[in-house]
Amino acid sequence: MTGPFYTLLRNSEGQKEATEKLANFLRKYEKNLKGDFFGGDHPDAVDYMIWPWFERLGVLSEQAGFDFSASEFPLITAWWNRMVADETVKATMFDQSTHTAFVRSFLAGKPNYDIGLD
């Protein structure tokens, strides 16, 4: 998921291929989500390990025009909604504007790794 994510952000050559690779990753997650969470009835390590990439999907929409389709990924969409309601996620997630600000600094060649930590 990481490779296609950054290819899309950088507007590198291979955008179409990166979009399809990312969609394929999402399809695999959709197919393998068997319960409310990947860990079963409650989030576990798998859910928390992959969450940051899903938290950042909105940046791809803003910056690269990636369309995350809730109708194509209904299970992932429902999982995402359950994750944002999780107390651990609430305590650690950044809002969309913070992710966007970081990505803009990253793409400008001056990544500000401290955005959102004040």
PDB file of N, CA and C in Angstrom:
ATOM      1  N   MET A   1       0.820  -1.183   0.000  1.00  0.00           N
ATOM      2  CA  MET A   1       0.000   0.000   0.000  1.00  0.00           C
ATOM      3  C   MET A   1       0.874   1.261   0.000  1.00  0.00           C
ATOM      4  N   THR A   2       2.030   1.180   0.611  1.00  0.00           N
ATOM      5  CA  THR A   2       2.900   2.337   0.746  1.00  0.00           C
ATOM      6  C   THR A   2       3.403   2.843  -0.600  1.00  0.00           C
ATOM      7  N   GLY A   3       3.882   1.931  -1.454  1.00  0.00           N
ATOM      8  CA  GLY A   3       4.423   2.335  -2.755  1.00  0.00           C
ATOM      9  C   GLY A   3       3.416   3.092  -3.604  1.00  0.00           C
ATOM     10  N   PRO A   4       2.247   2.506  -3.867  1.00  0.00           N
ATOM     11  CA  PRO A   4       1.248   3.222  -4.665  1.00  0.00           C
ATOM     12  C   PRO A   4       0.791   4.524  -4.004  1.00  0.00           C
ATOM     13  N   PHE A   5       0.726   4.542  -2.682  1.00  0.00           N
ATOM     14  CA  PHE A   5       0.316   5.744  -1.957  1.00  0.00           C
ATOM     15  C   PHE A   5       1.241   6.909  -2.302  1.00  0.00           C
ATOM     16  N   TYR A   6       2.559   6.678  -2.172  1.00  0.00           N
ATOM     17  CA  TYR A   6       3.506   7.759  -2.433  1.00  0.00           C
ATOM     18  C   TYR A   6       3.659   8.059  -3.918  1.00  0.00           C
ATOM     19  N   THR A   7       3.490   7.081  -4.770  1.00  0.00           N
ATOM     20  CA  THR A   7       3.503   7.347  -6.212  1.00  0.00           C
ATOM     21  C   THR A   7       2.373   8.305  -6.571  1.00  0.00           C
ATOM     22  N   LEU A   8       1.205   8.065  -6.018  1.00  0.00           N
ATOM     23  CA  LEU A   8       0.070   8.950  -6.291  1.00  0.00           C
ATOM     24  C   LEU A   8       0.310  10.351  -5.739  1.00  0.00           C
ATOM     25  N   LEU A   9       0.871  10.441  -4.548  1.00  0.00           N
ATOM     26  CA  LEU A   9       1.125  11.756  -3.955  1.00  0.00           C
ATOM     27  C   LEU A   9       2.126  12.562  -4.758  1.00  0.00           C
ATOM     28  N   ARG A  10       3.130  11.900  -5.257  1.00  0.00           N
ATOM     29  CA  ARG A  10       4.191  12.606  -5.977  1.00  0.00           C
ATOM     30  C   ARG A  10       3.804  12.922  -7.420  1.00  0.00           C
ATOM     31  N   ASN A  11       2.621  12.492  -7.829  1.00  0.00           N
ATOM     32  CA  ASN A  11       2.206  12.671  -9.215  1.00  0.00           C
ATOM     33  C   ASN A  11       3.271  12.151 -10.167  1.00  0.00           C
ATOM     34  N   SER A  12       3.865  11.042  -9.776  1.00  0.00           N
ATOM     35  CA  SER A  12       4.911  10.429 -10.584  1.00  0.00           C
ATOM     36  C   SER A  12       4.311   9.781 -11.819  1.00  0.00           C
ATOM     37  N   GLU A  13       5.192   9.415 -12.727  1.00  0.00           N
ATOM     38  CA  GLU A  13       4.719   8.613 -13.844  1.00  0.00           C
ATOM     39  C   GLU A  13       4.179   7.310 -13.277  1.00  0.00           C
ATOM     40  N   GLY A  14       3.225   6.764 -13.943  1.00  0.00           N
ATOM     41  CA  GLY A  14       2.639   5.526 -13.475  1.00  0.00           C
ATOM     42  C   GLY A  14       1.447   5.744 -12.563  1.00  0.00           C
ATOM     43  N   GLN A  15       0.810   6.899 -12.673  1.00  0.00           N
ATOM     44  CA  GLN A  15      -0.351   7.208 -11.837  1.00  0.00           C
ATOM     45  C   GLN A  15      -1.464   6.169 -12.008  1.00  0.00           C
ATOM     46  N   LYS A  16      -1.735   5.826 -13.249  1.00  0.00           N
ATOM     47  CA  LYS A  16      -2.816   4.878 -13.514  1.00  0.00           C
ATOM     48  C   LYS A  16      -2.509   3.529 -12.869  1.00  0.00           C
ATOM     49  N   GLU A  17      -1.277   3.078 -13.011  1.00  0.00           N
ATOM     50  CA  GLU A  17      -0.879   1.803 -12.434  1.00  0.00           C
ATOM     51  C   GLU A  17      -0.911   1.870 -10.904  1.00  0.00           C
ATOM     52  N   ALA A  18      -0.458   2.992 -10.348  1.00  0.00           N
ATOM     53  CA  ALA A  18      -0.458   3.146  -8.892  1.00  0.00           C
ATOM     54  C   ALA A  18      -1.885   3.174  -8.359  1.00  0.00           C
ATOM     55  N   THR A  19      -2.792   3.822  -9.081  1.00  0.00           N
ATOM     56  CA  THR A  19      -4.197   3.852  -8.671  1.00  0.00           C
ATOM     57  C   THR A  19      -4.763   2.443  -8.651  1.00  0.00           C
ATOM     58  N   GLU A  20      -4.454   1.670  -9.667  1.00  0.00           N
ATOM     59  CA  GLU A  20      -4.961   0.291  -9.731  1.00  0.00           C
ATOM     60  C   GLU A  20      -4.328  -0.578  -8.646  1.00  0.00           C
ATOM     61  N   LYS A  21      -3.029  -0.393  -8.375  1.00  0.00           N
ATOM     62  CA  LYS A  21      -2.378  -1.161  -7.316  1.00  0.00           C
ATOM     63  C   LYS A  21      -2.994  -0.841  -5.961  1.00  0.00           C
ATOM     64  N   LEU A  22      -3.232   0.438  -5.713  1.00  0.00           N
ATOM     65  CA  LEU A  22      -3.839   0.815  -4.442  1.00  0.00           C
ATOM     66  C   LEU A  22      -5.251   0.243  -4.331  1.00  0.00           C
ATOM     67  N   ALA A  23      -5.998   0.317  -5.400  1.00  0.00           N
ATOM     68  CA  ALA A  23      -7.352  -0.261  -5.400  1.00  0.00           C
ATOM     69  C   ALA A  23      -7.292  -1.768  -5.161  1.00  0.00           C
ATOM     70  N   ASN A  24      -6.285  -2.435  -5.716  1.00  0.00           N
ATOM     71  CA  ASN A  24      -6.129  -3.876  -5.488  1.00  0.00           C
ATOM     72  C   ASN A  24      -5.813  -4.186  -4.025  1.00  0.00           C
ATOM     73  N   PHE A  25      -4.966  -3.350  -3.401  1.00  0.00           N
ATOM     74  CA  PHE A  25      -4.705  -3.520  -1.975  1.00  0.00           C
ATOM     75  C   PHE A  25      -6.003  -3.386  -1.192  1.00  0.00           C
ATOM     76  N   LEU A  26      -6.779  -2.369  -1.517  1.00  0.00           N
ATOM     77  CA  LEU A  26      -8.046  -2.143  -0.814  1.00  0.00           C
ATOM     78  C   LEU A  26      -9.007  -3.305  -1.031  1.00  0.00           C
ATOM     79  N   ARG A  27      -9.019  -3.873  -2.238  1.00  0.00           N
ATOM     80  CA  ARG A  27      -9.882  -5.035  -2.506  1.00  0.00           C
ATOM     81  C   ARG A  27      -9.473  -6.230  -1.645  1.00  0.00           C
ATOM     82  N   LYS A  28      -8.162  -6.405  -1.456  1.00  0.00           N
ATOM     83  CA  LYS A  28      -7.683  -7.504  -0.602  1.00  0.00           C
ATOM     84  C   LYS A  28      -8.137  -7.292   0.836  1.00  0.00           C
ATOM     85  N   TYR A  29      -8.024  -6.069   1.314  1.00  0.00           N
ATOM     86  CA  TYR A  29      -8.505  -5.789   2.671  1.00  0.00           C
ATOM     87  C   TYR A  29     -10.005  -6.024   2.758  1.00  0.00           C
ATOM     88  N   GLU A  30     -10.734  -5.569   1.766  1.00  0.00           N
ATOM     89  CA  GLU A  30     -12.196  -5.755   1.736  1.00  0.00           C
ATOM     90  C   GLU A  30     -12.545  -7.242   1.803  1.00  0.00           C
ATOM     91  N   LYS A  31     -11.828  -8.031   1.030  1.00  0.00           N
ATOM     92  CA  LYS A  31     -12.095  -9.472   0.968  1.00  0.00           C
ATOM     93  C   LYS A  31     -11.768 -10.165   2.288  1.00  0.00           C
ATOM     94  N   ASN A  32     -10.741  -9.698   2.981  1.00  0.00           N
ATOM     95  CA  ASN A  32     -10.275 -10.374   4.190  1.00  0.00           C
ATOM     96  C   ASN A  32     -10.892  -9.856   5.482  1.00  0.00           C
ATOM     97  N   LEU A  33     -11.701  -8.839   5.398  1.00  0.00           N
ATOM     98  CA  LEU A  33     -12.374  -8.332   6.592  1.00  0.00           C
ATOM     99  C   LEU A  33     -13.605  -9.194   6.846  1.00  0.00           C
ATOM    100  N   LYS A  34     -13.521 -10.059   7.836  1.00  0.00           N
ATOM    101  CA  LYS A  34     -14.584 -11.038   8.085  1.00  0.00           C
ATOM    102  C   LYS A  34     -15.512 -10.657   9.224  1.00  0.00           C
ATOM    103  N   GLY A  35     -15.100  -9.736  10.049  1.00  0.00           N
ATOM    104  CA  GLY A  35     -15.927  -9.299  11.179  1.00  0.00           C
ATOM    105  C   GLY A  35     -15.924  -7.787  11.257  1.00  0.00           C
ATOM    106  N   ASP A  36     -16.216  -7.281  12.431  1.00  0.00           N
ATOM    107  CA  ASP A  36     -16.200  -5.830  12.610  1.00  0.00           C
ATOM    108  C   ASP A  36     -14.802  -5.259  12.441  1.00  0.00           C
ATOM    109  N   PHE A  37     -13.801  -6.038  12.845  1.00  0.00           N
ATOM    110  CA  PHE A  37     -12.403  -5.623  12.755  1.00  0.00           C
ATOM    111  C   PHE A  37     -11.592  -6.785  12.210  1.00  0.00           C
ATOM    112  N   PHE A  38     -10.394  -6.502  11.758  1.00  0.00           N
ATOM    113  CA  PHE A  38      -9.539  -7.588  11.275  1.00  0.00           C
ATOM    114  C   PHE A  38      -9.187  -8.526  12.417  1.00  0.00           C
ATOM    115  N   GLY A  39      -9.206  -7.993  13.645  1.00  0.00           N
ATOM    116  CA  GLY A  39      -8.902  -8.810  14.811  1.00  0.00           C
ATOM    117  C   GLY A  39     -10.112  -9.505  15.402  1.00  0.00           C
ATOM    118  N   GLY A  40     -11.276  -9.383  14.794  1.00  0.00           N
ATOM    119  CA  GLY A  40     -12.480 -10.017  15.310  1.00  0.00           C
ATOM    120  C   GLY A  40     -13.496  -8.989  15.757  1.00  0.00           C
ATOM    121  N   ASP A  41     -13.964  -9.129  16.993  1.00  0.00           N
ATOM    122  CA  ASP A  41     -14.988  -8.230  17.522  1.00  0.00           C
ATOM    123  C   ASP A  41     -14.432  -6.896  18.001  1.00  0.00           C
ATOM    124  N   HIS A  42     -13.117  -6.851  18.252  1.00  0.00           N
ATOM    125  CA  HIS A  42     -12.471  -5.642  18.753  1.00  0.00           C
ATOM    126  C   HIS A  42     -11.204  -5.395  17.944  1.00  0.00           C
ATOM    127  N   PRO A  43     -10.778  -4.154  17.845  1.00  0.00           N
ATOM    128  CA  PRO A  43      -9.526  -3.894  17.128  1.00  0.00           C
ATOM    129  C   PRO A  43      -8.356  -4.567  17.842  1.00  0.00           C
ATOM    130  N   ASP A  44      -7.428  -5.074  17.053  1.00  0.00           N
ATOM    131  CA  ASP A  44      -6.205  -5.603  17.635  1.00  0.00           C
ATOM    132  C   ASP A  44      -5.020  -5.050  16.856  1.00  0.00           C
ATOM    133  N   ALA A  45      -3.872  -5.676  16.985  1.00  0.00           N
ATOM    134  CA  ALA A  45      -2.644  -5.143  16.386  1.00  0.00           C
ATOM    135  C   ALA A  45      -2.780  -4.907  14.882  1.00  0.00           C
ATOM    136  N   VAL A  46      -3.395  -5.806  14.163  1.00  0.00           N
ATOM    137  CA  VAL A  46      -3.540  -5.642  12.710  1.00  0.00           C
ATOM    138  C   VAL A  46      -4.317  -4.365  12.393  1.00  0.00           C
ATOM    139  N   ASP A  47      -5.420  -4.169  13.069  1.00  0.00           N
ATOM    140  CA  ASP A  47      -6.240  -2.978  12.828  1.00  0.00           C
ATOM    141  C   ASP A  47      -5.438  -1.696  13.094  1.00  0.00           C
ATOM    142  N   TYR A  48      -4.724  -1.686  14.216  1.00  0.00           N
ATOM    143  CA  TYR A  48      -3.963  -0.492  14.568  1.00  0.00           C
ATOM    144  C   TYR A  48      -2.741  -0.288  13.673  1.00  0.00           C
ATOM    145  N   MET A  49      -2.184  -1.367  13.146  1.00  0.00           N
ATOM    146  CA  MET A  49      -1.012  -1.240  12.270  1.00  0.00           C
ATOM    147  C   MET A  49      -1.381  -0.687  10.895  1.00  0.00           C
ATOM    148  N   ILE A  50      -2.532  -1.069  10.369  1.00  0.00           N
ATOM    149  CA  ILE A  50      -2.899  -0.581   9.039  1.00  0.00           C
ATOM    150  C   ILE A  50      -3.692   0.717   9.099  1.00  0.00           C
ATOM    151  N   TRP A  51      -4.225   1.044  10.262  1.00  0.00           N
ATOM    152  CA  TRP A  51      -5.065   2.228  10.386  1.00  0.00           C
ATOM    153  C   TRP A  51      -4.427   3.508   9.838  1.00  0.00           C
ATOM    154  N   PRO A  52      -3.163   3.825  10.152  1.00  0.00           N
ATOM    155  CA  PRO A  52      -2.612   5.103   9.684  1.00  0.00           C
ATOM    156  C   PRO A  52      -2.706   5.315   8.176  1.00  0.00           C
ATOM    157  N   TRP A  53      -2.600   4.252   7.400  1.00  0.00           N
ATOM    158  CA  TRP A  53      -2.705   4.395   5.947  1.00  0.00           C
ATOM    159  C   TRP A  53      -4.134   4.723   5.536  1.00  0.00           C
ATOM    160  N   PHE A  54      -5.076   4.133   6.223  1.00  0.00           N
ATOM    161  CA  PHE A  54      -6.475   4.432   5.918  1.00  0.00           C
ATOM    162  C   PHE A  54      -6.848   5.838   6.397  1.00  0.00           C
ATOM    163  N   GLU A  55      -6.253   6.251   7.510  1.00  0.00           N
ATOM    164  CA  GLU A  55      -6.480   7.605   8.019  1.00  0.00           C
ATOM    165  C   GLU A  55      -6.037   8.647   6.995  1.00  0.00           C
ATOM    166  N   ARG A  56      -5.044   8.308   6.204  1.00  0.00           N
ATOM    167  CA  ARG A  56      -4.473   9.255   5.242  1.00  0.00           C
ATOM    168  C   ARG A  56      -5.111   9.197   3.849  1.00  0.00           C
ATOM    169  N   LEU A  57      -6.054   8.317   3.614  1.00  0.00           N
ATOM    170  CA  LEU A  57      -6.643   8.187   2.277  1.00  0.00           C
ATOM    171  C   LEU A  57      -7.267   9.486   1.780  1.00  0.00           C
ATOM    172  N   GLY A  58      -7.800  10.293   2.677  1.00  0.00           N
ATOM    173  CA  GLY A  58      -8.384  11.569   2.270  1.00  0.00           C
ATOM    174  C   GLY A  58      -7.382  12.487   1.610  1.00  0.00           C
ATOM    175  N   VAL A  59      -6.117  12.384   2.002  1.00  0.00           N
ATOM    176  CA  VAL A  59      -5.068  13.194   1.388  1.00  0.00           C
ATOM    177  C   VAL A  59      -4.925  12.820  -0.086  1.00  0.00           C
ATOM    178  N   LEU A  60      -5.050  11.531  -0.385  1.00  0.00           N
ATOM    179  CA  LEU A  60      -4.948  11.098  -1.780  1.00  0.00           C
ATOM    180  C   LEU A  60      -6.088  11.660  -2.606  1.00  0.00           C
ATOM    181  N   SER A  61      -7.227  11.777  -2.026  1.00  0.00           N
ATOM    182  CA  SER A  61      -8.363  12.378  -2.728  1.00  0.00           C
ATOM    183  C   SER A  61      -8.079  13.842  -3.020  1.00  0.00           C
ATOM    184  N   GLU A  62      -7.612  14.561  -2.007  1.00  0.00           N
ATOM    185  CA  GLU A  62      -7.310  15.993  -2.149  1.00  0.00           C
ATOM    186  C   GLU A  62      -6.153  16.253  -3.096  1.00  0.00           C
ATOM    187  N   GLN A  63      -5.073  15.523  -2.919  1.00  0.00           N
ATOM    188  CA  GLN A  63      -3.824  15.817  -3.618  1.00  0.00           C
ATOM    189  C   GLN A  63      -3.659  15.099  -4.953  1.00  0.00           C
ATOM    190  N   ALA A  64      -4.293  13.935  -5.096  1.00  0.00           N
ATOM    191  CA  ALA A  64      -4.046  13.136  -6.298  1.00  0.00           C
ATOM    192  C   ALA A  64      -5.322  12.699  -6.997  1.00  0.00           C
ATOM    193  N   GLY A  65      -6.468  13.082  -6.472  1.00  0.00           N
ATOM    194  CA  GLY A  65      -7.725  12.731  -7.117  1.00  0.00           C
ATOM    195  C   GLY A  65      -8.122  11.274  -6.981  1.00  0.00           C
ATOM    196  N   PHE A  66      -7.529  10.560  -6.015  1.00  0.00           N
ATOM    197  CA  PHE A  66      -7.890   9.159  -5.808  1.00  0.00           C
ATOM    198  C   PHE A  66      -9.296   9.097  -5.239  1.00  0.00           C
ATOM    199  N   ASP A  67     -10.137   8.288  -5.834  1.00  0.00           N
ATOM    200  CA  ASP A  67     -11.517   8.183  -5.391  1.00  0.00           C
ATOM    201  C   ASP A  67     -11.711   6.899  -4.598  1.00  0.00           C
ATOM    202  N   PHE A  68     -11.826   7.051  -3.275  1.00  0.00           N
ATOM    203  CA  PHE A  68     -12.158   5.905  -2.435  1.00  0.00           C
ATOM    204  C   PHE A  68     -13.672   5.767  -2.469  1.00  0.00           C
ATOM    205  N   SER A  69     -14.130   4.708  -3.066  1.00  0.00           N
ATOM    206  CA  SER A  69     -15.559   4.515  -3.264  1.00  0.00           C
ATOM    207  C   SER A  69     -16.166   3.678  -2.139  1.00  0.00           C
ATOM    208  N   ALA A  70     -17.021   4.311  -1.342  1.00  0.00           N
ATOM    209  CA  ALA A  70     -17.692   3.580  -0.265  1.00  0.00           C
ATOM    210  C   ALA A  70     -18.556   2.458  -0.821  1.00  0.00           C
ATOM    211  N   SER A  71     -19.088   2.646  -2.012  1.00  0.00           N
ATOM    212  CA  SER A  71     -19.922   1.589  -2.593  1.00  0.00           C
ATOM    213  C   SER A  71     -19.078   0.400  -3.065  1.00  0.00           C
ATOM    214  N   GLU A  72     -17.848   0.647  -3.481  1.00  0.00           N
ATOM    215  CA  GLU A  72     -16.964  -0.453  -3.882  1.00  0.00           C
ATOM    216  C   GLU A  72     -16.360  -1.153  -2.661  1.00  0.00           C
ATOM    217  N   PHE A  73     -16.195  -0.402  -1.570  1.00  0.00           N
ATOM    218  CA  PHE A  73     -15.562  -0.943  -0.369  1.00  0.00           C
ATOM    219  C   PHE A  73     -16.466  -0.751   0.856  1.00  0.00           C
ATOM    220  N   PRO A  74     -17.643  -1.371   0.856  1.00  0.00           N
ATOM    221  CA  PRO A  74     -18.568  -1.143   1.985  1.00  0.00           C
ATOM    222  C   PRO A  74     -18.053  -1.682   3.315  1.00  0.00           C
ATOM    223  N   LEU A  75     -17.335  -2.800   3.294  1.00  0.00           N
ATOM    224  CA  LEU A  75     -16.831  -3.366   4.549  1.00  0.00           C
ATOM    225  C   LEU A  75     -15.717  -2.507   5.129  1.00  0.00           C
ATOM    226  N   ILE A  76     -14.829  -2.036   4.263  1.00  0.00           N
ATOM    227  CA  ILE A  76     -13.750  -1.151   4.708  1.00  0.00           C
ATOM    228  C   ILE A  76     -14.330   0.171   5.208  1.00  0.00           C
ATOM    229  N   THR A  77     -15.349   0.675   4.536  1.00  0.00           N
ATOM    230  CA  THR A  77     -15.990   1.919   4.969  1.00  0.00           C
ATOM    231  C   THR A  77     -16.594   1.758   6.356  1.00  0.00           C
ATOM    232  N   ALA A  78     -17.285   0.646   6.594  1.00  0.00           N
ATOM    233  CA  ALA A  78     -17.874   0.386   7.911  1.00  0.00           C
ATOM    234  C   ALA A  78     -16.774   0.204   8.956  1.00  0.00           C
ATOM    235  N   TRP A  79     -15.702  -0.500   8.579  1.00  0.00           N
ATOM    236  CA  TRP A  79     -14.554  -0.665   9.479  1.00  0.00           C
ATOM    237  C   TRP A  79     -13.963   0.686   9.820  1.00  0.00           C
ATOM    238  N   TRP A  80     -13.785   1.553   8.814  1.00  0.00           N
ATOM    239  CA  TRP A  80     -13.231   2.890   9.027  1.00  0.00           C
ATOM    240  C   TRP A  80     -14.087   3.651  10.047  1.00  0.00           C
ATOM    241  N   ASN A  81     -15.384   3.591   9.895  1.00  0.00           N
ATOM    242  CA  ASN A  81     -16.285   4.274  10.835  1.00  0.00           C
ATOM    243  C   ASN A  81     -16.158   3.718  12.250  1.00  0.00           C
ATOM    244  N   ARG A  82     -15.977   2.409  12.370  1.00  0.00           N
ATOM    245  CA  ARG A  82     -15.785   1.826  13.694  1.00  0.00           C
ATOM    246  C   ARG A  82     -14.428   2.229  14.274  1.00  0.00           C
ATOM    247  N   MET A  83     -13.418   2.306  13.419  1.00  0.00           N
ATOM    248  CA  MET A  83     -12.090   2.697  13.903  1.00  0.00           C
ATOM    249  C   MET A  83     -12.088   4.135  14.409  1.00  0.00           C
ATOM    250  N   VAL A  84     -12.717   5.057  13.708  1.00  0.00           N
ATOM    251  CA  VAL A  84     -12.704   6.450  14.178  1.00  0.00           C
ATOM    252  C   VAL A  84     -13.490   6.611  15.475  1.00  0.00           C
ATOM    253  N   ALA A  85     -14.345   5.652  15.795  1.00  0.00           N
ATOM    254  CA  ALA A  85     -15.084   5.684  17.053  1.00  0.00           C
ATOM    255  C   ALA A  85     -14.290   5.036  18.203  1.00  0.00           C
ATOM    256  N   ASP A  86     -13.210   4.353  17.878  1.00  0.00           N
ATOM    257  CA  ASP A  86     -12.387   3.667  18.874  1.00  0.00           C
ATOM    258  C   ASP A  86     -11.618   4.700  19.708  1.00  0.00           C
ATOM    259  N   GLU A  87     -11.604   4.519  21.008  1.00  0.00           N
ATOM    260  CA  GLU A  87     -10.960   5.487  21.903  1.00  0.00           C
ATOM    261  C   GLU A  87      -9.465   5.641  21.635  1.00  0.00           C
ATOM    262  N   THR A  88      -8.787   4.560  21.331  1.00  0.00           N
ATOM    263  CA  THR A  88      -7.353   4.631  21.044  1.00  0.00           C
ATOM    264  C   THR A  88      -7.104   5.442  19.776  1.00  0.00           C
ATOM    265  N   VAL A  89      -7.889   5.200  18.767  1.00  0.00           N
ATOM    266  CA  VAL A  89      -7.750   5.947  17.509  1.00  0.00           C
ATOM    267  C   VAL A  89      -8.088   7.417  17.745  1.00  0.00           C
ATOM    268  N   LYS A  90      -9.162   7.682  18.450  1.00  0.00           N
ATOM    269  CA  LYS A  90      -9.537   9.073  18.742  1.00  0.00           C
ATOM    270  C   LYS A  90      -8.395   9.833  19.415  1.00  0.00           C
ATOM    271  N   ALA A  91      -7.693   9.140  20.311  1.00  0.00           N
ATOM    272  CA  ALA A  91      -6.627   9.783  21.075  1.00  0.00           C
ATOM    273  C   ALA A  91      -5.370  10.045  20.258  1.00  0.00           C
ATOM    274  N   THR A  92      -5.233   9.360  19.127  1.00  0.00           N
ATOM    275  CA  THR A  92      -3.972   9.460  18.383  1.00  0.00           C
ATOM    276  C   THR A  92      -4.091   9.953  16.951  1.00  0.00           C
ATOM    277  N   MET A  93      -5.290  10.018  16.410  1.00  0.00           N
ATOM    278  CA  MET A  93      -5.403  10.375  14.992  1.00  0.00           C
ATOM    279  C   MET A  93      -5.265  11.885  14.783  1.00  0.00           C
ATOM    280  N   PHE A  94      -4.837  12.237  13.587  1.00  0.00           N
ATOM    281  CA  PHE A  94      -4.751  13.626  13.166  1.00  0.00           C
ATOM    282  C   PHE A  94      -5.901  13.926  12.228  1.00  0.00           C
ATOM    283  N   ASP A  95      -6.303  15.171  12.193  1.00  0.00           N
ATOM    284  CA  ASP A  95      -7.379  15.553  11.278  1.00  0.00           C
ATOM    285  C   ASP A  95      -6.836  15.700   9.859  1.00  0.00           C
ATOM    286  N   GLN A  96      -7.752  15.814   8.924  1.00  0.00           N
ATOM    287  CA  GLN A  96      -7.385  15.869   7.511  1.00  0.00           C
ATOM    288  C   GLN A  96      -6.488  17.057   7.187  1.00  0.00           C
ATOM    289  N   SER A  97      -6.757  18.198   7.789  1.00  0.00           N
ATOM    290  CA  SER A  97      -5.954  19.385   7.484  1.00  0.00           C
ATOM    291  C   SER A  97      -4.509  19.209   7.950  1.00  0.00           C
ATOM    292  N   THR A  98      -4.289  18.492   9.041  1.00  0.00           N
ATOM    293  CA  THR A  98      -2.927  18.230   9.508  1.00  0.00           C
ATOM    294  C   THR A  98      -2.203  17.296   8.545  1.00  0.00           C
ATOM    295  N   HIS A  99      -2.891  16.256   8.093  1.00  0.00           N
ATOM    296  CA  HIS A  99      -2.277  15.352   7.102  1.00  0.00           C
ATOM    297  C   HIS A  99      -1.955  16.113   5.817  1.00  0.00           C
ATOM    298  N   THR A 100      -2.866  16.943   5.389  1.00  0.00           N
ATOM    299  CA  THR A 100      -2.654  17.712   4.158  1.00  0.00           C
ATOM    300  C   THR A 100      -1.471  18.656   4.312  1.00  0.00           C
ATOM    301  N   ALA A 101      -1.370  19.327   5.443  1.00  0.00           N
ATOM    302  CA  ALA A 101      -0.250  20.245   5.680  1.00  0.00           C
ATOM    303  C   ALA A 101       1.076  19.493   5.653  1.00  0.00           C
ATOM    304  N   PHE A 102       1.115  18.305   6.266  1.00  0.00           N
ATOM    305  CA  PHE A 102       2.350  17.530   6.224  1.00  0.00           C
ATOM    306  C   PHE A 102       2.696  17.134   4.796  1.00  0.00           C
ATOM    307  N   VAL A 103       1.724  16.631   4.065  1.00  0.00           N
ATOM    308  CA  VAL A 103       1.988  16.178   2.697  1.00  0.00           C
ATOM    309  C   VAL A 103       2.492  17.336   1.838  1.00  0.00           C
ATOM    310  N   ARG A 104       1.908  18.489   1.996  1.00  0.00           N
ATOM    311  CA  ARG A 104       2.374  19.651   1.228  1.00  0.00           C
ATOM    312  C   ARG A 104       3.821  19.983   1.570  1.00  0.00           C
ATOM    313  N   SER A 105       4.177  19.919   2.846  1.00  0.00           N
ATOM    314  CA  SER A 105       5.571  20.182   3.226  1.00  0.00           C
ATOM    315  C   SER A 105       6.489  19.095   2.667  1.00  0.00           C
ATOM    316  N   PHE A 106       6.023  17.872   2.688  1.00  0.00           N
ATOM    317  CA  PHE A 106       6.790  16.740   2.155  1.00  0.00           C
ATOM    318  C   PHE A 106       7.036  16.913   0.657  1.00  0.00           C
ATOM    319  N   LEU A 107       5.978  17.249  -0.069  1.00  0.00           N
ATOM    320  CA  LEU A 107       6.094  17.408  -1.519  1.00  0.00           C
ATOM    321  C   LEU A 107       6.938  18.620  -1.895  1.00  0.00           C
ATOM    322  N   ALA A 108       7.006  19.608  -1.014  1.00  0.00           N
ATOM    323  CA  ALA A 108       7.830  20.793  -1.257  1.00  0.00           C
ATOM    324  C   ALA A 108       9.303  20.525  -0.951  1.00  0.00           C
ATOM    325  N   GLY A 109       9.590  19.324  -0.464  1.00  0.00           N
ATOM    326  CA  GLY A 109      10.975  18.963  -0.163  1.00  0.00           C
ATOM    327  C   GLY A 109      11.433  19.388   1.216  1.00  0.00           C
ATOM    328  N   LYS A 110      10.506  19.882   2.035  1.00  0.00           N
ATOM    329  CA  LYS A 110      10.842  20.310   3.395  1.00  0.00           C
ATOM    330  C   LYS A 110       9.823  19.713   4.371  1.00  0.00           C
ATOM    331  N   PRO A 111       9.857  18.386   4.545  1.00  0.00           N
ATOM    332  CA  PRO A 111       8.850  17.757   5.398  1.00  0.00           C
ATOM    333  C   PRO A 111       8.912  18.275   6.842  1.00  0.00           C
ATOM    334  N   ASN A 112       7.779  18.704   7.326  1.00  0.00           N
ATOM    335  CA  ASN A 112       7.671  19.175   8.700  1.00  0.00           C
ATOM    336  C   ASN A 112       7.100  18.032   9.536  1.00  0.00           C
ATOM    337  N   TYR A 113       7.996  17.270  10.154  1.00  0.00           N
ATOM    338  CA  TYR A 113       7.570  16.108  10.909  1.00  0.00           C
ATOM    339  C   TYR A 113       6.917  16.459  12.238  1.00  0.00           C
ATOM    340  N   ASP A 114       6.934  17.738  12.587  1.00  0.00           N
ATOM    341  CA  ASP A 114       6.358  18.172  13.857  1.00  0.00           C
ATOM    342  C   ASP A 114       4.944  18.746  13.718  1.00  0.00           C
ATOM    343  N   ILE A 115       4.401  18.751  12.501  1.00  0.00           N
ATOM    344  CA  ILE A 115       3.034  19.273  12.315  1.00  0.00           C
ATOM    345  C   ILE A 115       2.074  18.475  13.188  1.00  0.00           C
ATOM    346  N   GLY A 116       1.256  19.179  13.922  1.00  0.00           N
ATOM    347  CA  GLY A 116       0.251  18.539  14.759  1.00  0.00           C
ATOM    348  C   GLY A 116       0.728  18.116  16.131  1.00  0.00           C
ATOM    349  N   LEU A 117       1.999  18.357  16.443  1.00  0.00           N
ATOM    350  CA  LEU A 117       2.517  17.918  17.729  1.00  0.00           C
ATOM    351  C   LEU A 117       2.563  19.028  18.775  1.00  0.00           C
ATOM    352  N   ASP A 118       2.050  20.204  18.444  1.00  0.00           N
ATOM    353  CA  ASP A 118       2.110  21.295  19.413  1.00  0.00           C
ATOM    354  C   ASP A 118       0.997  21.235  20.402  1.00  0.00           C
TER     355      ASP A 118
END
